[in-house]
Amino acid sequence: EVQLQASGGGLVQEGGSLTLSCSVSGFTADDYAIDWLRDTPGKGREGVSCIGVSDGMTYYSNSMKGRFTIATDNAKNTAHLHMSNLKPEDTAVYYCTARRLPRTYWGQGTLVTVSS
């Protein structure tokens, strides 16, 4: 059974940094990707970043480029999303997913609140 555990959310001031982590278990191979998405009041759900676990290829939404960095740990079963220069509009519930098509597995959300 594939399971995901997201952690690291919290309250941070504008301009600050925060790192979210997503621990994945249950896959027997590295042929999947880990995505971060967020739900923002008024904007709905949007993609934030993703990383291919086997090849390390990354993707960032335009508004996160240069501010967010995604990486996996040496065991490749945890993805860390380091967020810097945070803005109030980054306030959202952040979700991680593990995607091996056609299946996508969801973790629970973690709330990030950026105060101005």
C-alpha atoms as a PDB file:
ATOM      1  CA  GLU A   1       0.000   0.000   0.000  1.00  0.00           C
ATOM      2  CA  VAL A   2       1.358   3.369  -1.019  1.00  0.00           C
ATOM      3  CA  GLN A   3       1.269   5.962   1.731  1.00  0.00           C
ATOM      4  CA  LEU A   4       2.373   9.580   1.841  1.00  0.00           C
ATOM      5  CA  GLN A   5       3.063  11.745   4.868  1.00  0.00           C
ATOM      6  CA  ALA A   6       3.395  15.500   4.425  1.00  0.00           C
ATOM      7  CA  SER A   7       4.888  17.723   7.087  1.00  0.00           C
ATOM      8  CA  GLY A   8       6.514  21.083   7.659  1.00  0.00           C
ATOM      9  CA  GLY A   9       3.689  23.579   7.333  1.00  0.00           C
ATOM     10  CA  GLY A  10       3.292  26.477   9.696  1.00  0.00           C
ATOM     11  CA  LEU A  11       3.202  30.214  10.122  1.00  0.00           C
ATOM     12  CA  VAL A  12       5.962  32.323   8.626  1.00  0.00           C
ATOM     13  CA  GLN A  13       6.433  36.024   8.010  1.00  0.00           C
ATOM     14  CA  GLU A  14       6.567  37.513   4.547  1.00  0.00           C
ATOM     15  CA  GLY A  15      10.022  37.061   3.100  1.00  0.00           C
ATOM     16  CA  GLY A  16      10.719  34.053   5.292  1.00  0.00           C
ATOM     17  CA  SER A  17      11.436  30.447   4.418  1.00  0.00           C
ATOM     18  CA  LEU A  18       9.854  27.104   5.131  1.00  0.00           C
ATOM     19  CA  THR A  19      10.580  23.541   4.051  1.00  0.00           C
ATOM     20  CA  LEU A  20       7.840  20.999   3.421  1.00  0.00           C
ATOM     21  CA  SER A  21       8.586  17.284   3.375  1.00  0.00           C
ATOM     22  CA  CYS A  22       6.712  14.406   1.785  1.00  0.00           C
ATOM     23  CA  SER A  23       7.643  10.882   2.827  1.00  0.00           C
ATOM     24  CA  VAL A  24       6.509   8.138   0.478  1.00  0.00           C
ATOM     25  CA  SER A  25       6.344   4.431   1.243  1.00  0.00           C
ATOM     26  CA  GLY A  26       4.998   1.397  -0.553  1.00  0.00           C
ATOM     27  CA  PHE A  27       6.593   1.702  -3.982  1.00  0.00           C
ATOM     28  CA  THR A  28       8.930  -1.107  -4.987  1.00  0.00           C
ATOM     29  CA  ALA A  29      10.644   0.898  -7.725  1.00  0.00           C
ATOM     30  CA  ASP A  30      11.598   4.529  -8.373  1.00  0.00           C
ATOM     31  CA  ASP A  31       9.489   4.982 -11.485  1.00  0.00           C
ATOM     32  CA  TYR A  32       7.178   7.625 -10.081  1.00  0.00           C
ATOM     33  CA  ALA A  33       7.049  11.353  -9.541  1.00  0.00           C
ATOM     34  CA  ILE A  34       6.296  13.391  -6.455  1.00  0.00           C
ATOM     35  CA  ASP A  35       4.180  16.481  -6.958  1.00  0.00           C
ATOM     36  CA  TRP A  36       3.338  19.374  -4.702  1.00  0.00           C
ATOM     37  CA  LEU A  37       0.044  21.161  -5.273  1.00  0.00           C
ATOM     38  CA  ARG A  38      -1.734  23.783  -3.243  1.00  0.00           C
ATOM     39  CA  ASP A  39      -5.266  24.904  -2.575  1.00  0.00           C
ATOM     40  CA  THR A  40      -5.583  28.652  -2.245  1.00  0.00           C
ATOM     41  CA  PRO A  41      -8.776  30.462  -1.255  1.00  0.00           C
ATOM     42  CA  GLY A  42     -10.128  32.157  -4.324  1.00  0.00           C
ATOM     43  CA  LYS A  43      -7.647  30.580  -6.737  1.00  0.00           C
ATOM     44  CA  GLY A  44      -8.454  26.930  -6.378  1.00  0.00           C
ATOM     45  CA  ARG A  45      -5.868  24.203  -6.850  1.00  0.00           C
ATOM     46  CA  GLU A  46      -2.610  24.791  -8.666  1.00  0.00           C
ATOM     47  CA  GLY A  47       0.521  22.829  -9.301  1.00  0.00           C
ATOM     48  CA  VAL A  48       3.614  23.990  -7.444  1.00  0.00           C
ATOM     49  CA  SER A  49       6.476  21.676  -8.310  1.00  0.00           C
ATOM     50  CA  CYS A  50       7.308  18.088  -9.091  1.00  0.00           C
ATOM     51  CA  ILE A  51      10.328  15.812  -9.232  1.00  0.00           C
ATOM     52  CA  GLY A  52      10.938  12.509 -10.972  1.00  0.00           C
ATOM     53  CA  VAL A  53      12.277  10.184  -8.327  1.00  0.00           C
ATOM     54  CA  SER A  54      14.342   8.040 -10.710  1.00  0.00           C
ATOM     55  CA  ASP A  55      15.880  10.796 -12.833  1.00  0.00           C
ATOM     56  CA  GLY A  56      15.638  13.832 -10.551  1.00  0.00           C
ATOM     57  CA  MET A  57      14.062  15.996 -13.228  1.00  0.00           C
ATOM     58  CA  THR A  58      12.183  18.907 -11.725  1.00  0.00           C
ATOM     59  CA  TYR A  59       9.400  21.267 -12.707  1.00  0.00           C
ATOM     60  CA  TYR A  60       8.286  24.527 -11.145  1.00  0.00           C
ATOM     61  CA  SER A  61       5.253  26.654 -11.734  1.00  0.00           C
ATOM     62  CA  ASN A  62       6.262  30.068 -13.085  1.00  0.00           C
ATOM     63  CA  SER A  63       5.348  31.935  -9.930  1.00  0.00           C
ATOM     64  CA  MET A  64       7.586  29.644  -7.844  1.00  0.00           C
ATOM     65  CA  LYS A  65      10.675  29.647 -10.043  1.00  0.00           C
ATOM     66  CA  GLY A  66      13.638  31.066  -8.224  1.00  0.00           C
ATOM     67  CA  ARG A  67      11.891  30.885  -4.859  1.00  0.00           C
ATOM     68  CA  PHE A  68      11.079  27.183  -4.426  1.00  0.00           C
ATOM     69  CA  THR A  69      13.445  24.225  -4.713  1.00  0.00           C
ATOM     70  CA  ILE A  70      12.455  20.561  -4.730  1.00  0.00           C
ATOM     71  CA  ALA A  71      14.809  17.677  -4.054  1.00  0.00           C
ATOM     72  CA  THR A  72      14.723  14.108  -2.799  1.00  0.00           C
ATOM     73  CA  ASP A  73      16.866  12.683  -0.044  1.00  0.00           C
ATOM     74  CA  ASN A  74      19.481  10.003  -0.641  1.00  0.00           C
ATOM     75  CA  ALA A  75      16.976   7.218  -0.051  1.00  0.00           C
ATOM     76  CA  LYS A  76      14.716   8.873  -2.629  1.00  0.00           C
ATOM     77  CA  ASN A  77      11.640   8.253  -0.559  1.00  0.00           C
ATOM     78  CA  THR A  78      11.248  11.794   0.774  1.00  0.00           C
ATOM     79  CA  ALA A  79      10.840  14.944  -1.269  1.00  0.00           C
ATOM     80  CA  HIS A  80      11.629  18.281   0.314  1.00  0.00           C
ATOM     81  CA  LEU A  81      10.170  21.513  -0.981  1.00  0.00           C
ATOM     82  CA  HIS A  82      12.220  24.440   0.246  1.00  0.00           C
ATOM     83  CA  MET A  83      10.254  27.654  -0.076  1.00  0.00           C
ATOM     84  CA  SER A  84      11.978  31.003   0.296  1.00  0.00           C
ATOM     85  CA  ASN A  85      10.982  34.657  -0.066  1.00  0.00           C
ATOM     86  CA  LEU A  86       7.461  33.629   0.846  1.00  0.00           C
ATOM     87  CA  LYS A  87       4.595  35.969   0.046  1.00  0.00           C
ATOM     88  CA  PRO A  88       1.129  36.251   1.557  1.00  0.00           C
ATOM     89  CA  GLU A  89      -0.270  34.835  -1.684  1.00  0.00           C
ATOM     90  CA  ASP A  90       1.646  31.628  -0.972  1.00  0.00           C
ATOM     91  CA  THR A  91      -0.759  30.994   1.910  1.00  0.00           C
ATOM     92  CA  ALA A  92      -2.453  27.702   1.101  1.00  0.00           C
ATOM     93  CA  VAL A  93      -2.953  24.090   2.032  1.00  0.00           C
ATOM     94  CA  TYR A  94      -0.111  22.220   0.350  1.00  0.00           C
ATOM     95  CA  TYR A  95      -0.576  18.622  -0.749  1.00  0.00           C
ATOM     96  CA  CYS A  96       1.940  16.107  -1.999  1.00  0.00           C
ATOM     97  CA  THR A  97       1.072  13.322  -4.396  1.00  0.00           C
ATOM     98  CA  ALA A  98       2.938  10.354  -5.764  1.00  0.00           C
ATOM     99  CA  ARG A  99       2.189   9.780  -9.411  1.00  0.00           C
ATOM    100  CA  ARG A 100       2.776   6.562 -11.302  1.00  0.00           C
ATOM    101  CA  LEU A 101       0.304   6.677 -14.133  1.00  0.00           C
ATOM    102  CA  PRO A 102      -2.482   5.839 -14.246  1.00  0.00           C
ATOM    103  CA  ARG A 103      -2.561   6.088 -10.448  1.00  0.00           C
ATOM    104  CA  THR A 104      -2.031   9.137  -8.277  1.00  0.00           C
ATOM    105  CA  TYR A 105      -1.747   8.755  -4.534  1.00  0.00           C
ATOM    106  CA  TRP A 106      -2.466  11.635  -2.175  1.00  0.00           C
ATOM    107  CA  GLY A 107      -1.067  12.606   1.170  1.00  0.00           C
ATOM    108  CA  GLN A 108      -2.811  14.817   3.676  1.00  0.00           C
ATOM    109  CA  GLY A 109      -2.467  18.556   3.328  1.00  0.00           C
ATOM    110  CA  THR A 110      -0.260  20.805   5.371  1.00  0.00           C
ATOM    111  CA  LEU A 111      -1.180  24.429   5.965  1.00  0.00           C
ATOM    112  CA  VAL A 112       1.255  27.209   5.179  1.00  0.00           C
ATOM    113  CA  THR A 113       0.332  30.682   6.354  1.00  0.00           C
ATOM    114  CA  VAL A 114       2.421  33.684   5.339  1.00  0.00           C
ATOM    115  CA  SER A 115       1.758  36.827   7.323  1.00  0.00           C
ATOM    116  CA  SER A 116       2.424  40.312   5.974  1.00  0.00           C
END
